[in-house]
Amino acid sequence: MSARVVVADDESIIRMDLTECLAAAGYSVVGQASDGQTALALIQTELPDVAILDVKMPLLDGIE
């Protein structure tokens, strides 16, 4: 079973590239978000093994 990952970045091209790279490496990307609040909601509902968060995003940053 592959690790489940949520990817959050406000830059769509970065999200897309990360998602493609992770999928090619065998990871299961279970959610993508363009802001911190959406990322938090995805993390709470999807319960991923790993969350990759951009440090500076709208509404809630990756550090918060």
PDB file of N, CA and C in Angstrom:
ATOM      1  N   MET A   1       0.843  -1.181   0.000  1.00  0.00           N
ATOM      2  CA  MET A   1       0.000   0.000   0.000  1.00  0.00           C
ATOM      3  C   MET A   1       0.887   1.244   0.000  1.00  0.00           C
ATOM      4  N   SER A   2       0.574   2.191  -0.876  1.00  0.00           N
ATOM      5  CA  SER A   2       1.396   3.396  -0.978  1.00  0.00           C
ATOM      6  C   SER A   2       0.957   4.443   0.035  1.00  0.00           C
ATOM      7  N   ALA A   3       1.896   5.300   0.380  1.00  0.00           N
ATOM      8  CA  ALA A   3       1.593   6.377   1.325  1.00  0.00           C
ATOM      9  C   ALA A   3       0.606   7.348   0.689  1.00  0.00           C
ATOM     10  N   ARG A   4      -0.317   7.837   1.514  1.00  0.00           N
ATOM     11  CA  ARG A   4      -1.330   8.803   1.070  1.00  0.00           C
ATOM     12  C   ARG A   4      -0.819  10.214   1.358  1.00  0.00           C
ATOM     13  N   VAL A   5      -0.923  11.096   0.349  1.00  0.00           N
ATOM     14  CA  VAL A   5      -0.321  12.423   0.438  1.00  0.00           C
ATOM     15  C   VAL A   5      -1.343  13.500   0.073  1.00  0.00           C
ATOM     16  N   VAL A   6      -1.303  14.618   0.813  1.00  0.00           N
ATOM     17  CA  VAL A   6      -2.015  15.838   0.439  1.00  0.00           C
ATOM     18  C   VAL A   6      -0.963  16.862   0.040  1.00  0.00           C
ATOM     19  N   VAL A   7      -1.195  17.543  -1.083  1.00  0.00           N
ATOM     20  CA  VAL A   7      -0.278  18.558  -1.588  1.00  0.00           C
ATOM     21  C   VAL A   7      -0.994  19.911  -1.545  1.00  0.00           C
ATOM     22  N   ALA A   8      -0.349  20.900  -0.922  1.00  0.00           N
ATOM     23  CA  ALA A   8      -0.935  22.235  -0.847  1.00  0.00           C
ATOM     24  C   ALA A   8       0.081  23.291  -1.270  1.00  0.00           C
ATOM     25  N   ASP A   9      -0.282  24.047  -2.292  1.00  0.00           N
ATOM     26  CA  ASP A   9       0.554  25.144  -2.780  1.00  0.00           C
ATOM     27  C   ASP A   9      -0.353  26.090  -3.556  1.00  0.00           C
ATOM     28  N   ASP A  10      -0.154  27.391  -3.387  1.00  0.00           N
ATOM     29  CA  ASP A  10      -0.999  28.348  -4.093  1.00  0.00           C
ATOM     30  C   ASP A  10      -0.609  28.507  -5.560  1.00  0.00           C
ATOM     31  N   GLU A  11       0.504  27.955  -5.963  1.00  0.00           N
ATOM     32  CA  GLU A  11       0.923  27.963  -7.368  1.00  0.00           C
ATOM     33  C   GLU A  11       0.472  26.659  -8.024  1.00  0.00           C
ATOM     34  N   SER A  12      -0.447  26.762  -8.966  1.00  0.00           N
ATOM     35  CA  SER A  12      -1.031  25.556  -9.568  1.00  0.00           C
ATOM     36  C   SER A  12       0.011  24.693 -10.286  1.00  0.00           C
ATOM     37  N   ILE A  13       0.988  25.311 -10.932  1.00  0.00           N
ATOM     38  CA  ILE A  13       2.013  24.540 -11.658  1.00  0.00           C
ATOM     39  C   ILE A  13       2.868  23.729 -10.679  1.00  0.00           C
ATOM     40  N   ILE A  14       3.151  24.287  -9.520  1.00  0.00           N
ATOM     41  CA  ILE A  14       3.918  23.559  -8.496  1.00  0.00           C
ATOM     42  C   ILE A  14       3.100  22.367  -7.994  1.00  0.00           C
ATOM     43  N   ARG A  15       1.818  22.600  -7.694  1.00  0.00           N
ATOM     44  CA  ARG A  15       0.942  21.508  -7.246  1.00  0.00           C
ATOM     45  C   ARG A  15       0.899  20.389  -8.276  1.00  0.00           C
ATOM     46  N   MET A  16       0.728  20.773  -9.541  1.00  0.00           N
ATOM     47  CA  MET A  16       0.643  19.784 -10.610  1.00  0.00           C
ATOM     48  C   MET A  16       1.939  18.988 -10.727  1.00  0.00           C
ATOM     49  N   ASP A  17       3.076  19.676 -10.711  1.00  0.00           N
ATOM     50  CA  ASP A  17       4.370  18.989 -10.818  1.00  0.00           C
ATOM     51  C   ASP A  17       4.608  18.047  -9.643  1.00  0.00           C
ATOM     52  N   LEU A  18       4.338  18.533  -8.423  1.00  0.00           N
ATOM     53  CA  LEU A  18       4.513  17.677  -7.245  1.00  0.00           C
ATOM     54  C   LEU A  18       3.615  16.449  -7.319  1.00  0.00           C
ATOM     55  N   THR A  19       2.373  16.664  -7.711  1.00  0.00           N
ATOM     56  CA  THR A  19       1.420  15.554  -7.807  1.00  0.00           C
ATOM     57  C   THR A  19       1.887  14.517  -8.823  1.00  0.00           C
ATOM     58  N   GLU A  20       2.345  14.980  -9.982  1.00  0.00           N
ATOM     59  CA  GLU A  20       2.833  14.062 -11.010  1.00  0.00           C
ATOM     60  C   GLU A  20       4.067  13.296 -10.541  1.00  0.00           C
ATOM     61  N   CYS A  21       4.997  13.988  -9.909  1.00  0.00           N
ATOM     62  CA  CYS A  21       6.218  13.334  -9.409  1.00  0.00           C
ATOM     63  C   CYS A  21       5.895  12.301  -8.340  1.00  0.00           C
ATOM     64  N   LEU A  22       5.011  12.657  -7.428  1.00  0.00           N
ATOM     65  CA  LEU A  22       4.630  11.730  -6.356  1.00  0.00           C
ATOM     66  C   LEU A  22       3.917  10.507  -6.921  1.00  0.00           C
ATOM     67  N   ALA A  23       2.996  10.725  -7.850  1.00  0.00           N
ATOM     68  CA  ALA A  23       2.273   9.600  -8.463  1.00  0.00           C
ATOM     69  C   ALA A  23       3.245   8.686  -9.218  1.00  0.00           C
ATOM     70  N   ALA A  24       4.191   9.275  -9.938  1.00  0.00           N
ATOM     71  CA  ALA A  24       5.184   8.480 -10.670  1.00  0.00           C
ATOM     72  C   ALA A  24       6.062   7.666  -9.728  1.00  0.00           C
ATOM     73  N   ALA A  25       6.258   8.178  -8.508  1.00  0.00           N
ATOM     74  CA  ALA A  25       7.071   7.469  -7.512  1.00  0.00           C
ATOM     75  C   ALA A  25       6.247   6.453  -6.712  1.00  0.00           C
ATOM     76  N   GLY A  26       4.958   6.345  -7.028  1.00  0.00           N
ATOM     77  CA  GLY A  26       4.135   5.329  -6.382  1.00  0.00           C
ATOM     78  C   GLY A  26       3.300   5.811  -5.211  1.00  0.00           C
ATOM     79  N   TYR A  27       3.303   7.101  -4.945  1.00  0.00           N
ATOM     80  CA  TYR A  27       2.493   7.637  -3.856  1.00  0.00           C
ATOM     81  C   TYR A  27       1.072   7.889  -4.334  1.00  0.00           C
ATOM     82  N   SER A  28       0.149   7.872  -3.411  1.00  0.00           N
ATOM     83  CA  SER A  28      -1.249   8.143  -3.719  1.00  0.00           C
ATOM     84  C   SER A  28      -1.599   9.551  -3.241  1.00  0.00           C
ATOM     85  N   VAL A  29      -1.771  10.484  -4.183  1.00  0.00           N
ATOM     86  CA  VAL A  29      -2.137  11.855  -3.827  1.00  0.00           C
ATOM     87  C   VAL A  29      -3.652  11.883  -3.641  1.00  0.00           C
ATOM     88  N   VAL A  30      -4.085  12.074  -2.389  1.00  0.00           N
ATOM     89  CA  VAL A  30      -5.506  11.999  -2.058  1.00  0.00           C
ATOM     90  C   VAL A  30      -6.173  13.366  -2.003  1.00  0.00           C
ATOM     91  N   GLY A  31      -5.403  14.438  -2.165  1.00  0.00           N
ATOM     92  CA  GLY A  31      -5.997  15.765  -2.171  1.00  0.00           C
ATOM     93  C   GLY A  31      -4.994  16.828  -2.545  1.00  0.00           C
ATOM     94  N   GLN A  32      -5.532  17.909  -3.128  1.00  0.00           N
ATOM     95  CA  GLN A  32      -4.725  19.066  -3.491  1.00  0.00           C
ATOM     96  C   GLN A  32      -5.456  20.315  -3.032  1.00  0.00           C
ATOM     97  N   ALA A  33      -4.701  21.310  -2.587  1.00  0.00           N
ATOM     98  CA  ALA A  33      -5.302  22.556  -2.115  1.00  0.00           C
ATOM     99  C   ALA A  33      -4.470  23.745  -2.561  1.00  0.00           C
ATOM    100  N   SER A  34      -5.153  24.886  -2.754  1.00  0.00           N
ATOM    101  CA  SER A  34      -4.463  26.105  -3.150  1.00  0.00           C
ATOM    102  C   SER A  34      -4.374  27.125  -2.014  1.00  0.00           C
ATOM    103  N   ASP A  35      -4.925  26.768  -0.864  1.00  0.00           N
ATOM    104  CA  ASP A  35      -4.817  27.641   0.308  1.00  0.00           C
ATOM    105  C   ASP A  35      -4.786  26.789   1.569  1.00  0.00           C
ATOM    106  N   GLY A  36      -4.379  27.415   2.661  1.00  0.00           N
ATOM    107  CA  GLY A  36      -4.192  26.672   3.899  1.00  0.00           C
ATOM    108  C   GLY A  36      -5.466  26.138   4.524  1.00  0.00           C
ATOM    109  N   GLN A  37      -6.564  26.870   4.418  1.00  0.00           N
ATOM    110  CA  GLN A  37      -7.817  26.392   5.013  1.00  0.00           C
ATOM    111  C   GLN A  37      -8.324  25.148   4.300  1.00  0.00           C
ATOM    112  N   THR A  38      -8.247  25.138   2.984  1.00  0.00           N
ATOM    113  CA  THR A  38      -8.654  23.953   2.226  1.00  0.00           C
ATOM    114  C   THR A  38      -7.731  22.781   2.538  1.00  0.00           C
ATOM    115  N   ALA A  39      -6.443  23.058   2.661  1.00  0.00           N
ATOM    116  CA  ALA A  39      -5.480  22.008   3.008  1.00  0.00           C
ATOM    117  C   ALA A  39      -5.827  21.387   4.357  1.00  0.00           C
ATOM    118  N   LEU A  40      -6.123  22.225   5.341  1.00  0.00           N
ATOM    119  CA  LEU A  40      -6.470  21.722   6.672  1.00  0.00           C
ATOM    120  C   LEU A  40      -7.726  20.857   6.614  1.00  0.00           C
ATOM    121  N   ALA A  41      -8.728  21.291   5.867  1.00  0.00           N
ATOM    122  CA  ALA A  41      -9.957  20.502   5.729  1.00  0.00           C
ATOM    123  C   ALA A  41      -9.673  19.151   5.080  1.00  0.00           C
ATOM    124  N   LEU A  42      -8.832  19.142   4.043  1.00  0.00           N
ATOM    125  CA  LEU A  42      -8.465  17.882   3.380  1.00  0.00           C
ATOM    126  C   LEU A  42      -7.720  16.949   4.331  1.00  0.00           C
ATOM    127  N   ILE A  43      -6.813  17.520   5.086  1.00  0.00           N
ATOM    128  CA  ILE A  43      -6.041  16.714   6.039  1.00  0.00           C
ATOM    129  C   ILE A  43      -6.951  16.092   7.086  1.00  0.00           C
ATOM    130  N   GLN A  44      -7.925  16.852   7.552  1.00  0.00           N
ATOM    131  CA  GLN A  44      -8.850  16.349   8.570  1.00  0.00           C
ATOM    132  C   GLN A  44      -9.787  15.282   8.025  1.00  0.00           C
ATOM    133  N   THR A  45     -10.159  15.370   6.749  1.00  0.00           N
ATOM    134  CA  THR A  45     -11.081  14.382   6.188  1.00  0.00           C
ATOM    135  C   THR A  45     -10.373  13.180   5.577  1.00  0.00           C
ATOM    136  N   GLU A  46      -9.248  13.419   4.907  1.00  0.00           N
ATOM    137  CA  GLU A  46      -8.538  12.339   4.203  1.00  0.00           C
ATOM    138  C   GLU A  46      -7.544  11.591   5.087  1.00  0.00           C
ATOM    139  N   LEU A  47      -7.088  12.220   6.167  1.00  0.00           N
ATOM    140  CA  LEU A  47      -6.115  11.612   7.083  1.00  0.00           C
ATOM    141  C   LEU A  47      -4.904  11.032   6.340  1.00  0.00           C
ATOM    142  N   PRO A  48      -4.183  11.876   5.593  1.00  0.00           N
ATOM    143  CA  PRO A  48      -3.035  11.378   4.826  1.00  0.00           C
ATOM    144  C   PRO A  48      -1.876  10.977   5.738  1.00  0.00           C
ATOM    145  N   ASP A  49      -0.977  10.190   5.181  1.00  0.00           N
ATOM    146  CA  ASP A  49       0.246   9.838   5.898  1.00  0.00           C
ATOM    147  C   ASP A  49       1.219  11.017   5.902  1.00  0.00           C
ATOM    148  N   VAL A  50       1.174  11.813   4.830  1.00  0.00           N
ATOM    149  CA  VAL A  50       2.084  12.946   4.650  1.00  0.00           C
ATOM    150  C   VAL A  50       1.321  14.116   4.043  1.00  0.00           C
ATOM    151  N   ALA A  51       1.659  15.330   4.490  1.00  0.00           N
ATOM    152  CA  ALA A  51       1.123  16.536   3.867  1.00  0.00           C
ATOM    153  C   ALA A  51       2.311  17.410   3.454  1.00  0.00           C
ATOM    154  N   ILE A  52       2.340  17.798   2.193  1.00  0.00           N
ATOM    155  CA  ILE A  52       3.381  18.688   1.687  1.00  0.00           C
ATOM    156  C   ILE A  52       2.740  20.062   1.549  1.00  0.00           C
ATOM    157  N   LEU A  53       3.204  21.007   2.376  1.00  0.00           N
ATOM    158  CA  LEU A  53       2.568  22.315   2.459  1.00  0.00           C
ATOM    159  C   LEU A  53       3.539  23.430   2.091  1.00  0.00           C
ATOM    160  N   ASP A  54       3.067  24.342   1.261  1.00  0.00           N
ATOM    161  CA  ASP A  54       3.823  25.548   0.951  1.00  0.00           C
ATOM    162  C   ASP A  54       3.860  26.406   2.220  1.00  0.00           C
ATOM    163  N   VAL A  55       4.950  27.111   2.441  1.00  0.00           N
ATOM    164  CA  VAL A  55       5.088  27.940   3.632  1.00  0.00           C
ATOM    165  C   VAL A  55       4.190  29.177   3.541  1.00  0.00           C
ATOM    166  N   LYS A  56       4.126  29.791   2.364  1.00  0.00           N
ATOM    167  CA  LYS A  56       3.317  31.009   2.201  1.00  0.00           C
ATOM    168  C   LYS A  56       2.137  30.725   1.288  1.00  0.00           C
ATOM    169  N   MET A  57       0.941  30.638   1.889  1.00  0.00           N
ATOM    170  CA  MET A  57      -0.299  30.440   1.145  1.00  0.00           C
ATOM    171  C   MET A  57      -1.352  31.392   1.693  1.00  0.00           C
ATOM    172  N   PRO A  58      -2.377  31.672   0.905  1.00  0.00           N
ATOM    173  CA  PRO A  58      -3.465  32.509   1.399  1.00  0.00           C
ATOM    174  C   PRO A  58      -4.256  31.824   2.518  1.00  0.00           C
ATOM    175  N   LEU A  59      -4.893  32.625   3.348  1.00  0.00           N
ATOM    176  CA  LEU A  59      -5.815  32.227   4.407  1.00  0.00           C
ATOM    177  C   LEU A  59      -5.150  31.566   5.604  1.00  0.00           C
ATOM    178  N   LEU A  60      -4.237  30.677   5.378  1.00  0.00           N
ATOM    179  CA  LEU A  60      -3.539  29.978   6.455  1.00  0.00           C
ATOM    180  C   LEU A  60      -2.258  29.433   5.852  1.00  0.00           C
ATOM    181  N   ASP A  61      -1.098  29.778   6.417  1.00  0.00           N
ATOM    182  CA  ASP A  61       0.134  29.313   5.785  1.00  0.00           C
ATOM    183  C   ASP A  61       0.510  27.911   6.257  1.00  0.00           C
ATOM    184  N   GLY A  62       1.493  27.331   5.588  1.00  0.00           N
ATOM    185  CA  GLY A  62       1.908  25.962   5.879  1.00  0.00           C
ATOM    186  C   GLY A  62       2.523  25.770   7.250  1.00  0.00           C
ATOM    187  N   ILE A  63       2.989  26.817   7.863  1.00  0.00           N
ATOM    188  CA  ILE A  63       3.569  26.715   9.202  1.00  0.00           C
ATOM    189  C   ILE A  63       2.474  26.715  10.261  1.00  0.00           C
ATOM    190  N   GLU A  64       1.457  27.542  10.034  1.00  0.00           N
ATOM    191  CA  GLU A  64       0.355  27.609  11.009  1.00  0.00           C
ATOM    192  C   GLU A  64      -0.383  26.298  11.063  1.00  0.00           C
TER     193      GLU A  64
END
